[in-house]
Amino acid sequence: MKNRLGNEERKFAHIIWREEPLTSRLLIDLANAELGWKKTTSYTVLKRLQEKGIFVNDKGTVRALISKDDYYSKESNAYIEEAYGGSLPAFITAFASSAVLSEEDIEKLNQLINEAEKALKKK
């Protein structure tokens, strides 16, 4: 995904997603309080995030062009594509081999698989 967020951009983005829509002035104040950023840093990062097509500052009101869930979904898909050749089973195998899955985790994964199977049958 060409619009991946760096660590600091991600922290800033979370403020916007949490508070949107918000004034650029409030965003600057929140970034100062939560991240210790100066006004110029906040505006520079906001401009980068606008160039990435994630947020917009329209007449002093900042809002998302893409939701947090949609952003992370695209980022996850891009990671699986890059690291595992787009193979979700390969990713899950790698993840499951290094993580301890609870019964609840396994049940949720089974539910997801069952829902995916039902959706395929409907097509």
N, C-alpha and C. Protein backbone atom coordinates (compact mmCIF):
# COMPACT_ATOMS: atom_id res chain seq x y z
N MET A 1 0.84 -1.18 0.00
CA MET A 1 0.00 0.00 0.00
C MET A 1 0.88 1.24 0.00
N LYS A 2 0.74 2.06 -1.00
CA LYS A 2 1.62 3.21 -1.14
C LYS A 2 1.34 4.30 -0.12
N ASN A 3 0.19 4.25 0.52
CA ASN A 3 -0.18 5.28 1.48
C ASN A 3 -0.01 4.83 2.93
N ARG A 4 0.90 3.92 3.17
CA ARG A 4 1.13 3.46 4.54
C ARG A 4 1.55 4.61 5.43
N LEU A 5 1.07 4.54 6.66
CA LEU A 5 1.41 5.57 7.63
C LEU A 5 2.63 5.17 8.44
N GLY A 6 3.50 6.13 8.67
CA GLY A 6 4.60 5.92 9.59
C GLY A 6 4.05 5.96 11.02
N ASN A 7 4.88 5.62 11.98
CA ASN A 7 4.44 5.55 13.37
C ASN A 7 3.87 6.86 13.87
N GLU A 8 4.55 7.97 13.62
CA GLU A 8 4.06 9.27 14.08
C GLU A 8 2.81 9.69 13.33
N GLU A 9 2.77 9.42 12.02
CA GLU A 9 1.57 9.72 11.24
C GLU A 9 0.38 8.93 11.78
N ARG A 10 0.62 7.70 12.15
CA ARG A 10 -0.43 6.82 12.67
C ARG A 10 -1.02 7.40 13.97
N LYS A 11 -0.16 7.87 14.87
CA LYS A 11 -0.63 8.47 16.12
C LYS A 11 -1.50 9.69 15.84
N PHE A 12 -1.05 10.51 14.91
CA PHE A 12 -1.79 11.71 14.53
C PHE A 12 -3.12 11.35 13.89
N ALA A 13 -3.08 10.35 13.01
CA ALA A 13 -4.30 9.90 12.33
C ALA A 13 -5.33 9.40 13.33
N HIS A 14 -4.88 8.72 14.35
CA HIS A 14 -5.81 8.20 15.35
C HIS A 14 -6.54 9.33 16.08
N ILE A 15 -5.86 10.44 16.27
CA ILE A 15 -6.52 11.60 16.88
C ILE A 15 -7.64 12.07 15.97
N ILE A 16 -7.36 12.18 14.69
CA ILE A 16 -8.37 12.64 13.73
C ILE A 16 -9.53 11.66 13.68
N TRP A 17 -9.23 10.37 13.51
CA TRP A 17 -10.32 9.38 13.43
C TRP A 17 -11.17 9.40 14.70
N ARG A 18 -10.55 9.58 15.83
CA ARG A 18 -11.27 9.58 17.10
C ARG A 18 -12.18 10.80 17.25
N GLU A 19 -11.75 11.96 16.76
CA GLU A 19 -12.43 13.22 17.03
C GLU A 19 -13.21 13.80 15.85
N GLU A 20 -13.05 13.23 14.68
CA GLU A 20 -13.60 13.89 13.49
C GLU A 20 -15.11 14.01 13.51
N PRO A 21 -15.64 15.04 12.82
CA PRO A 21 -14.88 16.15 12.24
C PRO A 21 -14.42 17.10 13.35
N LEU A 22 -13.28 17.71 13.13
CA LEU A 22 -12.75 18.64 14.13
C LEU A 22 -12.08 19.80 13.42
N THR A 23 -12.00 20.90 14.13
CA THR A 23 -11.34 22.06 13.55
C THR A 23 -9.84 21.82 13.54
N SER A 24 -9.17 22.45 12.61
CA SER A 24 -7.71 22.32 12.56
C SER A 24 -7.10 22.88 13.85
N ARG A 25 -7.72 23.89 14.43
CA ARG A 25 -7.22 24.46 15.69
C ARG A 25 -7.28 23.44 16.82
N LEU A 26 -8.41 22.72 16.93
CA LEU A 26 -8.53 21.68 17.95
C LEU A 26 -7.53 20.56 17.69
N LEU A 27 -7.34 20.20 16.43
CA LEU A 27 -6.36 19.17 16.09
C LEU A 27 -4.96 19.57 16.53
N ILE A 28 -4.60 20.81 16.28
CA ILE A 28 -3.29 21.32 16.68
C ILE A 28 -3.15 21.23 18.21
N ASP A 29 -4.20 21.62 18.93
CA ASP A 29 -4.16 21.58 20.39
C ASP A 29 -4.05 20.15 20.90
N LEU A 30 -4.79 19.23 20.30
CA LEU A 30 -4.74 17.82 20.71
C LEU A 30 -3.37 17.21 20.42
N ALA A 31 -2.82 17.53 19.24
CA ALA A 31 -1.50 17.00 18.89
C ALA A 31 -0.44 17.54 19.84
N ASN A 32 -0.59 18.77 20.25
CA ASN A 32 0.36 19.34 21.22
C ASN A 32 0.23 18.63 22.56
N ALA A 33 -1.02 18.43 23.02
CA ALA A 33 -1.25 17.82 24.32
C ALA A 33 -0.87 16.34 24.35
N GLU A 34 -1.20 15.62 23.27
CA GLU A 34 -1.00 14.17 23.27
C GLU A 34 0.36 13.74 22.71
N LEU A 35 0.88 14.51 21.77
CA LEU A 35 2.12 14.11 21.11
C LEU A 35 3.29 15.07 21.38
N GLY A 36 2.98 16.20 21.98
CA GLY A 36 4.03 17.19 22.25
C GLY A 36 4.47 17.94 21.00
N TRP A 37 3.60 17.99 19.99
CA TRP A 37 3.97 18.60 18.71
C TRP A 37 3.70 20.09 18.71
N LYS A 38 4.53 20.80 17.94
CA LYS A 38 4.31 22.21 17.68
C LYS A 38 3.34 22.33 16.50
N LYS A 39 2.79 23.51 16.35
CA LYS A 39 1.82 23.79 15.29
C LYS A 39 2.37 23.43 13.91
N THR A 40 3.62 23.81 13.64
CA THR A 40 4.19 23.56 12.31
C THR A 40 4.30 22.06 12.02
N THR A 41 4.65 21.28 13.03
CA THR A 41 4.76 19.83 12.83
C THR A 41 3.39 19.25 12.49
N SER A 42 2.37 19.67 13.22
CA SER A 42 1.03 19.16 12.97
C SER A 42 0.55 19.50 11.56
N TYR A 43 0.77 20.75 11.13
CA TYR A 43 0.34 21.13 9.79
C TYR A 43 1.13 20.39 8.71
N THR A 44 2.40 20.14 8.95
CA THR A 44 3.22 19.40 7.99
C THR A 44 2.70 17.97 7.85
N VAL A 45 2.43 17.33 8.97
CA VAL A 45 1.95 15.95 8.93
C VAL A 45 0.54 15.90 8.34
N LEU A 46 -0.31 16.84 8.69
CA LEU A 46 -1.66 16.88 8.11
C LEU A 46 -1.58 17.03 6.59
N LYS A 47 -0.67 17.87 6.11
CA LYS A 47 -0.51 18.04 4.66
C LYS A 47 -0.09 16.72 4.01
N ARG A 48 0.84 15.99 4.64
CA ARG A 48 1.26 14.68 4.10
C ARG A 48 0.08 13.71 4.04
N LEU A 49 -0.72 13.70 5.10
CA LEU A 49 -1.86 12.78 5.14
C LEU A 49 -2.93 13.17 4.12
N GLN A 50 -3.04 14.46 3.84
CA GLN A 50 -3.95 14.90 2.77
C GLN A 50 -3.43 14.44 1.41
N GLU A 51 -2.12 14.55 1.20
CA GLU A 51 -1.52 14.12 -0.06
C GLU A 51 -1.69 12.62 -0.27
N LYS A 52 -1.74 11.87 0.83
CA LYS A 52 -1.95 10.42 0.75
C LYS A 52 -3.42 10.07 0.53
N GLY A 53 -4.29 11.09 0.57
CA GLY A 53 -5.71 10.87 0.31
C GLY A 53 -6.47 10.26 1.47
N ILE A 54 -5.94 10.43 2.69
CA ILE A 54 -6.59 9.83 3.86
C ILE A 54 -7.47 10.84 4.58
N PHE A 55 -7.05 12.11 4.62
CA PHE A 55 -7.79 13.16 5.29
C PHE A 55 -7.90 14.38 4.41
N VAL A 56 -8.83 15.26 4.78
CA VAL A 56 -8.98 16.53 4.08
C VAL A 56 -9.17 17.63 5.12
N ASN A 57 -8.60 18.79 4.84
CA ASN A 57 -8.81 19.98 5.66
C ASN A 57 -9.56 20.96 4.78
N ASP A 58 -10.87 21.04 4.99
CA ASP A 58 -11.73 21.87 4.16
C ASP A 58 -12.19 23.08 4.97
N LYS A 59 -11.61 24.22 4.67
CA LYS A 59 -11.96 25.47 5.34
C LYS A 59 -11.81 25.37 6.86
N GLY A 60 -10.76 24.69 7.30
CA GLY A 60 -10.47 24.60 8.72
C GLY A 60 -11.14 23.46 9.44
N THR A 61 -11.87 22.62 8.71
CA THR A 61 -12.49 21.43 9.30
C THR A 61 -11.80 20.20 8.73
N VAL A 62 -11.26 19.39 9.62
CA VAL A 62 -10.52 18.19 9.22
C VAL A 62 -11.44 16.98 9.37
N ARG A 63 -11.45 16.16 8.33
CA ARG A 63 -12.25 14.93 8.37
C ARG A 63 -11.56 13.86 7.53
N ALA A 64 -11.96 12.64 7.77
CA ALA A 64 -11.37 11.50 7.06
C ALA A 64 -12.02 11.30 5.70
N LEU A 65 -11.21 10.93 4.75
CA LEU A 65 -11.71 10.49 3.45
C LEU A 65 -11.82 8.97 3.41
N ILE A 66 -11.13 8.32 4.33
CA ILE A 66 -11.17 6.87 4.45
C ILE A 66 -11.26 6.55 5.95
N SER A 67 -12.16 5.64 6.29
CA SER A 67 -12.33 5.30 7.70
C SER A 67 -11.12 4.53 8.23
N LYS A 68 -10.99 4.52 9.52
CA LYS A 68 -9.90 3.77 10.16
C LYS A 68 -9.99 2.29 9.79
N ASP A 69 -11.18 1.72 9.85
CA ASP A 69 -11.34 0.31 9.51
C ASP A 69 -10.97 0.03 8.06
N ASP A 70 -11.40 0.91 7.15
CA ASP A 70 -11.04 0.72 5.74
C ASP A 70 -9.54 0.86 5.52
N TYR A 71 -8.93 1.83 6.19
CA TYR A 71 -7.49 2.00 6.07
C TYR A 71 -6.75 0.73 6.51
N TYR A 72 -7.09 0.22 7.70
CA TYR A 72 -6.39 -0.95 8.21
C TYR A 72 -6.69 -2.21 7.40
N SER A 73 -7.88 -2.28 6.84
CA SER A 73 -8.20 -3.41 5.96
C SER A 73 -7.30 -3.40 4.72
N LYS A 74 -7.16 -2.23 4.11
CA LYS A 74 -6.29 -2.11 2.93
C LYS A 74 -4.83 -2.37 3.29
N GLU A 75 -4.41 -1.85 4.45
CA GLU A 75 -3.03 -2.07 4.87
C GLU A 75 -2.76 -3.56 5.13
N SER A 76 -3.70 -4.24 5.75
CA SER A 76 -3.56 -5.67 6.01
C SER A 76 -3.48 -6.46 4.72
N ASN A 77 -4.37 -6.13 3.80
CA ASN A 77 -4.35 -6.83 2.51
C ASN A 77 -3.05 -6.60 1.75
N ALA A 78 -2.54 -5.37 1.81
CA ALA A 78 -1.27 -5.07 1.14
C ALA A 78 -0.13 -5.85 1.79
N TYR A 79 -0.13 -5.95 3.11
CA TYR A 79 0.91 -6.71 3.81
C TYR A 79 0.86 -8.18 3.41
N ILE A 80 -0.32 -8.76 3.39
CA ILE A 80 -0.46 -10.17 3.01
C ILE A 80 -0.01 -10.37 1.56
N GLU A 81 -0.33 -9.43 0.70
CA GLU A 81 0.09 -9.51 -0.69
C GLU A 81 1.62 -9.48 -0.80
N GLU A 82 2.25 -8.53 -0.09
CA GLU A 82 3.70 -8.37 -0.16
C GLU A 82 4.45 -9.52 0.51
N ALA A 83 4.03 -9.89 1.70
CA ALA A 83 4.79 -10.85 2.49
C ALA A 83 4.46 -12.31 2.18
N TYR A 84 3.23 -12.56 1.73
CA TYR A 84 2.79 -13.95 1.53
C TYR A 84 2.22 -14.20 0.15
N GLY A 85 2.55 -13.33 -0.79
CA GLY A 85 2.10 -13.51 -2.16
C GLY A 85 0.58 -13.51 -2.29
N GLY A 86 -0.08 -12.83 -1.35
CA GLY A 86 -1.54 -12.74 -1.39
C GLY A 86 -2.24 -13.95 -0.81
N SER A 87 -1.49 -14.88 -0.24
CA SER A 87 -2.08 -16.11 0.29
C SER A 87 -2.50 -15.93 1.74
N LEU A 88 -3.80 -15.82 1.97
CA LEU A 88 -4.31 -15.71 3.33
C LEU A 88 -4.00 -16.97 4.13
N PRO A 89 -4.15 -18.18 3.56
CA PRO A 89 -3.79 -19.38 4.33
C PRO A 89 -2.32 -19.39 4.76
N ALA A 90 -1.42 -18.91 3.91
CA ALA A 90 0.00 -18.85 4.29
C ALA A 90 0.21 -17.88 5.45
N PHE A 91 -0.48 -16.76 5.40
CA PHE A 91 -0.39 -15.79 6.50
C PHE A 91 -0.92 -16.39 7.79
N ILE A 92 -2.09 -17.01 7.73
CA ILE A 92 -2.69 -17.59 8.93
C ILE A 92 -1.81 -18.70 9.49
N THR A 93 -1.23 -19.51 8.62
CA THR A 93 -0.33 -20.57 9.07
C THR A 93 0.87 -19.98 9.80
N ALA A 94 1.47 -18.95 9.23
CA ALA A 94 2.62 -18.31 9.87
C ALA A 94 2.21 -17.69 11.20
N PHE A 95 1.08 -17.03 11.22
CA PHE A 95 0.62 -16.40 12.45
C PHE A 95 0.31 -17.44 13.52
N ALA A 96 -0.43 -18.47 13.14
CA ALA A 96 -0.85 -19.49 14.11
C ALA A 96 0.33 -20.29 14.65
N SER A 97 1.39 -20.43 13.86
CA SER A 97 2.53 -21.21 14.32
C SER A 97 3.33 -20.48 15.40
N SER A 98 3.18 -19.16 15.48
CA SER A 98 3.93 -18.40 16.47
C SER A 98 3.05 -17.78 17.55
N ALA A 99 1.75 -18.03 17.48
CA ALA A 99 0.83 -17.46 18.47
C ALA A 99 0.02 -18.58 19.10
N VAL A 100 -0.37 -18.36 20.31
CA VAL A 100 -1.23 -19.32 20.99
C VAL A 100 -2.67 -18.88 20.77
N LEU A 101 -3.42 -19.72 20.07
CA LEU A 101 -4.82 -19.40 19.81
C LEU A 101 -5.70 -19.98 20.89
N SER A 102 -6.59 -19.18 21.41
CA SER A 102 -7.53 -19.66 22.41
C SER A 102 -8.68 -20.37 21.71
N GLU A 103 -9.49 -21.07 22.48
CA GLU A 103 -10.67 -21.71 21.90
C GLU A 103 -11.58 -20.67 21.27
N GLU A 104 -11.66 -19.51 21.92
CA GLU A 104 -12.49 -18.42 21.38
C GLU A 104 -11.94 -17.93 20.04
N ASP A 105 -10.62 -17.79 19.93
CA ASP A 105 -10.01 -17.38 18.67
C ASP A 105 -10.33 -18.39 17.57
N ILE A 106 -10.18 -19.66 17.89
CA ILE A 106 -10.44 -20.72 16.90
C ILE A 106 -11.90 -20.70 16.48
N GLU A 107 -12.80 -20.51 17.43
CA GLU A 107 -14.23 -20.45 17.12
C GLU A 107 -14.54 -19.27 16.20
N LYS A 108 -13.94 -18.11 16.48
CA LYS A 108 -14.15 -16.94 15.62
C LYS A 108 -13.62 -17.17 14.22
N LEU A 109 -12.45 -17.80 14.12
CA LEU A 109 -11.89 -18.11 12.80
C LEU A 109 -12.80 -19.07 12.04
N ASN A 110 -13.31 -20.07 12.74
CA ASN A 110 -14.25 -21.01 12.11
C ASN A 110 -15.51 -20.29 11.63
N GLN A 111 -16.02 -19.35 12.42
CA GLN A 111 -17.20 -18.58 12.01
C GLN A 111 -16.91 -17.77 10.76
N LEU A 112 -15.74 -17.15 10.71
CA LEU A 112 -15.36 -16.38 9.52
C LEU A 112 -15.30 -17.27 8.28
N ILE A 113 -14.73 -18.45 8.44
CA ILE A 113 -14.64 -19.39 7.32
C ILE A 113 -16.04 -19.81 6.88
N ASN A 114 -16.90 -20.13 7.83
CA ASN A 114 -18.26 -20.54 7.50
C ASN A 114 -19.02 -19.43 6.79
N GLU A 115 -18.86 -18.19 7.26
CA GLU A 115 -19.52 -17.05 6.61
C GLU A 115 -18.99 -16.84 5.19
N ALA A 116 -17.69 -17.01 5.02
CA ALA A 116 -17.10 -16.87 3.68
C ALA A 116 -17.62 -17.95 2.74
N GLU A 117 -17.75 -19.17 3.24
CA GLU A 117 -18.29 -20.27 2.43
C GLU A 117 -19.73 -19.97 2.01
N LYS A 118 -20.54 -19.47 2.93
CA LYS A 118 -21.93 -19.13 2.62
C LYS A 118 -21.99 -18.03 1.57
N ALA A 119 -21.13 -17.03 1.70
CA ALA A 119 -21.11 -15.92 0.73
C ALA A 119 -20.72 -16.42 -0.65
N LEU A 120 -19.78 -17.36 -0.72
CA LEU A 120 -19.38 -17.92 -2.01
C LEU A 120 -20.51 -18.70 -2.66
N LYS A 121 -21.25 -19.43 -1.87
CA LYS A 121 -22.35 -20.23 -2.39
C LYS A 121 -23.47 -19.35 -2.93
N LYS A 122 -23.64 -18.16 -2.36
CA LYS A 122 -24.68 -17.25 -2.81
C LYS A 122 -24.35 -16.61 -4.15
N LYS A 123 -23.07 -16.58 -4.50
CA LYS A 123 -22.64 -15.93 -5.76
C LYS A 123 -23.00 -16.74 -6.95
